[in-house]
C-alpha atoms as a PDB file:
ATOM      1  CA  MET A   1    -140.956  99.575  24.773  1.00  0.00           C
ATOM      2  CA  ALA A   2    -140.832  98.735  28.645  1.00  0.00           C
ATOM      3  CA  SER A   3    -138.888  96.123  29.929  1.00  0.00           C
ATOM      4  CA  VAL A   4    -140.687  93.183  31.661  1.00  0.00           C
ATOM      5  CA  PRO A   5    -138.871  92.144  34.726  1.00  0.00           C
ATOM      6  CA  PHE A   6    -138.682  88.118  35.315  1.00  0.00           C
ATOM      7  CA  MET A   7    -137.007  85.907  37.902  1.00  0.00           C
ATOM      8  CA  LYS A   8    -135.483  83.532  34.965  1.00  0.00           C
ATOM      9  CA  ALA A   9    -135.160  84.061  31.363  1.00  0.00           C
ATOM     10  CA  PRO A  10    -137.488  81.983  29.316  1.00  0.00           C
ATOM     11  CA  ASP A  11    -136.152  79.064  27.957  1.00  0.00           C
ATOM     12  CA  PRO A  12    -136.527  79.249  24.043  1.00  0.00           C
ATOM     13  CA  GLU A  13    -135.559  75.712  23.567  1.00  0.00           C
ATOM     14  CA  SER A  14    -138.227  73.012  23.863  1.00  0.00           C
ATOM     15  CA  ALA A  15    -137.704  69.356  24.740  1.00  0.00           C
ATOM     16  CA  TYR A  16    -139.826  68.418  21.666  1.00  0.00           C
ATOM     17  CA  GLN A  17    -139.435  68.992  18.068  1.00  0.00           C
ATOM     18  CA  VAL A  18    -141.878  68.605  15.174  1.00  0.00           C
ATOM     19  CA  GLY A  19    -141.763  65.119  13.964  1.00  0.00           C
ATOM     20  CA  ASP A  20    -140.998  63.545  17.240  1.00  0.00           C
ATOM     21  CA  VAL A  21    -142.564  60.337  18.367  1.00  0.00           C
ATOM     22  CA  VAL A  22    -143.943  60.732  21.859  1.00  0.00           C
ATOM     23  CA  GLU A  23    -146.313  59.165  24.394  1.00  0.00           C
ATOM     24  CA  VAL A  24    -149.043  60.702  25.883  1.00  0.00           C
ATOM     25  CA  PHE A  25    -151.383  59.843  28.828  1.00  0.00           C
ATOM     26  CA  CYS A  26    -154.984  60.422  27.454  1.00  0.00           C
ATOM     27  CA  ASP A  27    -158.388  58.726  26.735  1.00  0.00           C
ATOM     28  CA  HIS A  28    -158.412  56.873  23.559  1.00  0.00           C
ATOM     29  CA  ASP A  29    -160.033  53.645  22.060  1.00  0.00           C
ATOM     30  CA  ARG A  30    -158.292  50.269  22.167  1.00  0.00           C
ATOM     31  CA  ASP A  31    -159.715  47.041  20.869  1.00  0.00           C
ATOM     32  CA  GLY A  32    -163.148  48.786  20.873  1.00  0.00           C
ATOM     33  CA  GLN A  33    -162.956  49.856  24.640  1.00  0.00           C
ATOM     34  CA  ARG A  34    -162.154  53.372  25.540  1.00  0.00           C
ATOM     35  CA  ILE A  35    -159.147  53.689  27.928  1.00  0.00           C
ATOM     36  CA  ARG A  36    -157.135  56.107  29.790  1.00  0.00           C
ATOM     37  CA  SER A  37    -153.470  55.159  29.285  1.00  0.00           C
ATOM     38  CA  TRP A  38    -150.027  55.982  27.364  1.00  0.00           C
ATOM     39  CA  VAL A  39    -150.524  55.955  23.550  1.00  0.00           C
ATOM     40  CA  SER A  40    -147.930  57.083  20.840  1.00  0.00           C
ATOM     41  CA  GLY A  41    -148.484  60.205  18.776  1.00  0.00           C
ATOM     42  CA  ILE A  42    -146.498  62.600  16.562  1.00  0.00           C
ATOM     43  CA  VAL A  43    -145.655  66.127  17.288  1.00  0.00           C
ATOM     44  CA  VAL A  44    -146.961  68.316  14.790  1.00  0.00           C
ATOM     45  CA  GLN A  45    -146.484  71.855  16.400  1.00  0.00           C
ATOM     46  CA  VAL A  46    -144.348  73.457  19.107  1.00  0.00           C
ATOM     47  CA  ASP A  47    -144.423  76.845  20.604  1.00  0.00           C
ATOM     48  CA  SER A  48    -142.784  78.168  23.649  1.00  0.00           C
ATOM     49  CA  LYS A  49    -145.475  76.923  26.018  1.00  0.00           C
ATOM     50  CA  MET A  50    -147.381  74.120  24.103  1.00  0.00           C
ATOM     51  CA  VAL A  51    -146.816  71.017  22.231  1.00  0.00           C
ATOM     52  CA  ALA A  52    -149.566  69.738  19.699  1.00  0.00           C
ATOM     53  CA  VAL A  53    -149.546  65.975  19.151  1.00  0.00           C
ATOM     54  CA  GLN A  54    -151.605  64.029  16.726  1.00  0.00           C
ATOM     55  CA  PHE A  55    -152.705  60.574  16.598  1.00  0.00           C
ATOM     56  CA  GLN A  56    -153.701  57.830  14.343  1.00  0.00           C
ATOM     57  CA  MET A  57    -156.769  56.717  16.493  1.00  0.00           C
ATOM     58  CA  ASP A  58    -159.712  58.661  18.213  1.00  0.00           C
ATOM     59  CA  VAL A  59    -158.535  60.423  21.377  1.00  0.00           C
ATOM     60  CA  TYR A  60    -161.104  62.122  23.851  1.00  0.00           C
ATOM     61  CA  LEU A  61    -161.034  65.148  26.064  1.00  0.00           C
ATOM     62  CA  THR A  62    -161.464  64.908  29.769  1.00  0.00           C
ATOM     63  CA  ASP A  63    -164.913  65.891  29.479  1.00  0.00           C
ATOM     64  CA  GLY A  64    -165.413  62.956  27.129  1.00  0.00           C
ATOM     65  CA  TRP A  65    -165.588  64.663  23.628  1.00  0.00           C
ATOM     66  CA  MET A  66    -164.109  63.041  20.865  1.00  0.00           C
ATOM     67  CA  VAL A  67    -161.493  65.152  19.190  1.00  0.00           C
ATOM     68  CA  PRO A  68    -162.147  65.248  15.348  1.00  0.00           C
ATOM     69  CA  ASP A  69    -158.789  66.235  14.086  1.00  0.00           C
ATOM     70  CA  HIS A  70    -156.990  63.902  16.311  1.00  0.00           C
ATOM     71  CA  ILE A  71    -154.885  66.521  17.711  1.00  0.00           C
ATOM     72  CA  LEU A  72    -154.271  67.206  21.695  1.00  0.00           C
ATOM     73  CA  TRP A  73    -152.463  70.233  22.973  1.00  0.00           C
ATOM     74  CA  TYR A  74    -150.171  70.042  26.022  1.00  0.00           C
ATOM     75  CA  PRO A  75    -148.035  72.202  28.173  1.00  0.00           C
ATOM     76  CA  SER A  76    -144.516  71.540  27.078  1.00  0.00           C
ATOM     77  CA  ASN A  77    -143.825  70.840  30.825  1.00  0.00           C
ATOM     78  CA  SER A  78    -146.646  68.471  31.360  1.00  0.00           C
ATOM     79  CA  ILE A  79    -146.576  64.910  33.361  1.00  0.00           C
ATOM     80  CA  HIS A  80    -148.885  63.558  30.735  1.00  0.00           C
ATOM     81  CA  ILE A  81    -146.358  63.835  27.574  1.00  0.00           C
ATOM     82  CA  ARG A  82    -143.226  62.002  27.586  1.00  0.00           C
ATOM     83  CA  MET A  83    -140.662  60.527  24.957  1.00  0.00           C
ATOM     84  CA  PRO A  84    -141.359  56.993  24.212  1.00  0.00           C
ATOM     85  CA  GLN A  85    -140.322  54.437  27.138  1.00  0.00           C
ATOM     86  CA  GLU A  86    -138.146  51.770  25.717  1.00  0.00           C
ATOM     87  CA  LYS A  87    -140.085  48.458  25.672  1.00  0.00           C
ATOM     88  CA  THR A  88    -138.625  45.542  27.668  1.00  0.00           C
ATOM     89  CA  SER A  89    -137.303  42.954  25.239  1.00  0.00           C
ATOM     90  CA  LYS A  90    -138.169  39.401  25.141  1.00  0.00           C
ATOM     91  CA  PRO A  91    -135.364  37.200  26.003  1.00  0.00           C
ATOM     92  CA  ARG A  92    -133.920  35.712  23.051  1.00  0.00           C
ATOM     93  CA  LEU A  93    -133.657  32.203  22.509  1.00  0.00           C
ATOM     94  CA  PRO A  94    -130.193  30.829  21.851  1.00  0.00           C
ATOM     95  CA  ASP A  95    -129.172  29.913  18.111  1.00  0.00           C
ATOM     96  CA  PHE A  96    -128.607  26.242  17.716  1.00  0.00           C
END
């Protein structure tokens, strides 16, 4: 088999693993309204280039179609997928 030249060796490791909770920027339903914002999902499949994320709510493609299996695929280097951001905690009241 012929060798294929490349500038940089492919990175076999992915930033995501099956079972990771991630946040994805997509169209989804919240409180009966369709919005585009960050929503949590679970990584269900990872390969060398793509990450599949499943949601517990209805999600939509950019052209408006609802995804029946609630799974969206993203390139592993997409700016629309990230590890969950830490929530700013509410200040605690002192114990008396």
